[in-house]
Amino acid sequence: MRALVAAGRTVVSVLHEMTIALQADDLVVMSAGRVMHHGACADPATHAALARVFDGRLRVHALDGRWVALPTID
């Protein structure tokens, strides 16, 4: 997909696996069919939006230079 973007094309993916989705350049966070946030995957506001949409059940962390979504432990 990165080769398509490098060639000037737009790539849109619908992903439900958050760690894979966080490897994109931008992320659209949706809930109940509505856009709740749109921003760069590295943006702390995007991480906060994901945490809100998942009712605090996950947090985004940096791991080996990549963003990963991990469940919270109470």
C-alpha atoms as a PDB file:
ATOM      1  CA  MET A   1       0.000   0.000   0.000  1.00  0.00           C
ATOM      2  CA  ARG A   2       2.858   2.389   0.734  1.00  0.00           C
ATOM      3  CA  ALA A   3       3.992   1.960  -2.889  1.00  0.00           C
ATOM      4  CA  LEU A   4       0.564   3.141  -4.071  1.00  0.00           C
ATOM      5  CA  VAL A   5       0.748   6.202  -1.825  1.00  0.00           C
ATOM      6  CA  ALA A   6       4.289   6.923  -3.042  1.00  0.00           C
ATOM      7  CA  ALA A   7       2.910   6.798  -6.599  1.00  0.00           C
ATOM      8  CA  GLY A   8       0.442   9.558  -5.705  1.00  0.00           C
ATOM      9  CA  ARG A   9      -2.620   7.410  -5.111  1.00  0.00           C
ATOM     10  CA  THR A  10      -4.984   7.538  -2.166  1.00  0.00           C
ATOM     11  CA  VAL A  11      -5.489   4.363  -0.150  1.00  0.00           C
ATOM     12  CA  VAL A  12      -8.460   3.895   2.174  1.00  0.00           C
ATOM     13  CA  SER A  13      -8.688   0.847   4.432  1.00  0.00           C
ATOM     14  CA  VAL A  14     -11.372  -0.138   6.903  1.00  0.00           C
ATOM     15  CA  LEU A  15      -9.702  -1.879   9.817  1.00  0.00           C
ATOM     16  CA  HIS A  16     -11.004  -3.077  13.149  1.00  0.00           C
ATOM     17  CA  GLU A  17      -7.628  -4.213  14.484  1.00  0.00           C
ATOM     18  CA  MET A  18      -6.383  -1.033  16.161  1.00  0.00           C
ATOM     19  CA  THR A  19      -2.674  -1.879  16.196  1.00  0.00           C
ATOM     20  CA  ILE A  20      -2.741  -2.459  12.434  1.00  0.00           C
ATOM     21  CA  ALA A  21      -4.827   0.688  11.888  1.00  0.00           C
ATOM     22  CA  LEU A  22      -2.273   2.716  13.862  1.00  0.00           C
ATOM     23  CA  GLN A  23       0.359   1.966  11.210  1.00  0.00           C
ATOM     24  CA  ALA A  24      -1.472   4.255   8.757  1.00  0.00           C
ATOM     25  CA  ASP A  25      -0.644   7.936   8.269  1.00  0.00           C
ATOM     26  CA  ASP A  26      -4.076   9.166   9.390  1.00  0.00           C
ATOM     27  CA  LEU A  27      -6.915   7.577  11.308  1.00  0.00           C
ATOM     28  CA  VAL A  28     -10.638   8.268  11.279  1.00  0.00           C
ATOM     29  CA  VAL A  29     -12.144   7.198  14.607  1.00  0.00           C
ATOM     30  CA  MET A  30     -15.823   6.331  14.347  1.00  0.00           C
ATOM     31  CA  SER A  31     -18.505   5.339  16.815  1.00  0.00           C
ATOM     32  CA  ALA A  32     -22.096   4.384  16.015  1.00  0.00           C
ATOM     33  CA  GLY A  33     -21.569   5.412  12.388  1.00  0.00           C
ATOM     34  CA  ARG A  34     -20.325   8.904  13.233  1.00  0.00           C
ATOM     35  CA  VAL A  35     -16.861  10.379  12.821  1.00  0.00           C
ATOM     36  CA  MET A  36     -15.566  11.206  16.284  1.00  0.00           C
ATOM     37  CA  HIS A  37     -12.035  12.240  15.313  1.00  0.00           C
ATOM     38  CA  HIS A  38      -9.702  12.463  12.314  1.00  0.00           C
ATOM     39  CA  GLY A  39      -5.987  12.909  12.742  1.00  0.00           C
ATOM     40  CA  ALA A  40      -2.480  11.553  12.427  1.00  0.00           C
ATOM     41  CA  CYS A  41      -1.846   8.207  14.084  1.00  0.00           C
ATOM     42  CA  ALA A  42       1.065   9.722  16.022  1.00  0.00           C
ATOM     43  CA  ASP A  43      -1.107  12.549  17.399  1.00  0.00           C
ATOM     44  CA  PRO A  44      -1.904  12.252  21.127  1.00  0.00           C
ATOM     45  CA  ALA A  45      -5.407  13.582  20.346  1.00  0.00           C
ATOM     46  CA  THR A  46      -5.966  10.529  18.124  1.00  0.00           C
ATOM     47  CA  HIS A  47      -4.832   8.241  20.939  1.00  0.00           C
ATOM     48  CA  ALA A  48      -7.204   9.997  23.344  1.00  0.00           C
ATOM     49  CA  ALA A  49     -10.088   9.683  20.863  1.00  0.00           C
ATOM     50  CA  LEU A  50      -9.490   5.926  20.603  1.00  0.00           C
ATOM     51  CA  ALA A  51      -9.471   5.606  24.387  1.00  0.00           C
ATOM     52  CA  ARG A  52     -12.771   7.551  24.595  1.00  0.00           C
ATOM     53  CA  VAL A  53     -14.488   5.501  21.882  1.00  0.00           C
ATOM     54  CA  PHE A  54     -13.456   2.295  23.639  1.00  0.00           C
ATOM     55  CA  ASP A  55     -14.636   3.644  27.018  1.00  0.00           C
ATOM     56  CA  GLY A  56     -11.106   3.612  28.421  1.00  0.00           C
ATOM     57  CA  ARG A  57     -10.650  -0.106  27.740  1.00  0.00           C
ATOM     58  CA  LEU A  58      -7.540   0.510  25.633  1.00  0.00           C
ATOM     59  CA  ARG A  59      -4.566   2.819  25.523  1.00  0.00           C
ATOM     60  CA  VAL A  60      -2.103   3.562  22.735  1.00  0.00           C
ATOM     61  CA  HIS A  61       1.586   3.037  23.521  1.00  0.00           C
ATOM     62  CA  ALA A  62       4.843   3.321  21.585  1.00  0.00           C
ATOM     63  CA  LEU A  63       6.621  -0.013  21.219  1.00  0.00           C
ATOM     64  CA  ASP A  64       9.764  -0.464  19.135  1.00  0.00           C
ATOM     65  CA  GLY A  65       9.028   2.657  17.094  1.00  0.00           C
ATOM     66  CA  ARG A  66       5.406   1.712  16.346  1.00  0.00           C
ATOM     67  CA  TRP A  67       2.093   2.559  17.930  1.00  0.00           C
ATOM     68  CA  VAL A  68       0.176  -0.319  19.514  1.00  0.00           C
ATOM     69  CA  ALA A  69      -3.241  -0.443  21.149  1.00  0.00           C
ATOM     70  CA  LEU A  70      -3.259  -2.472  24.358  1.00  0.00           C
ATOM     71  CA  PRO A  71      -6.120  -3.269  26.719  1.00  0.00           C
ATOM     72  CA  THR A  72      -6.116  -1.458  30.031  1.00  0.00           C
ATOM     73  CA  ILE A  73      -5.793  -3.464  33.208  1.00  0.00           C
ATOM     74  CA  ASP A  74      -7.789  -2.278  36.199  1.00  0.00           C
END
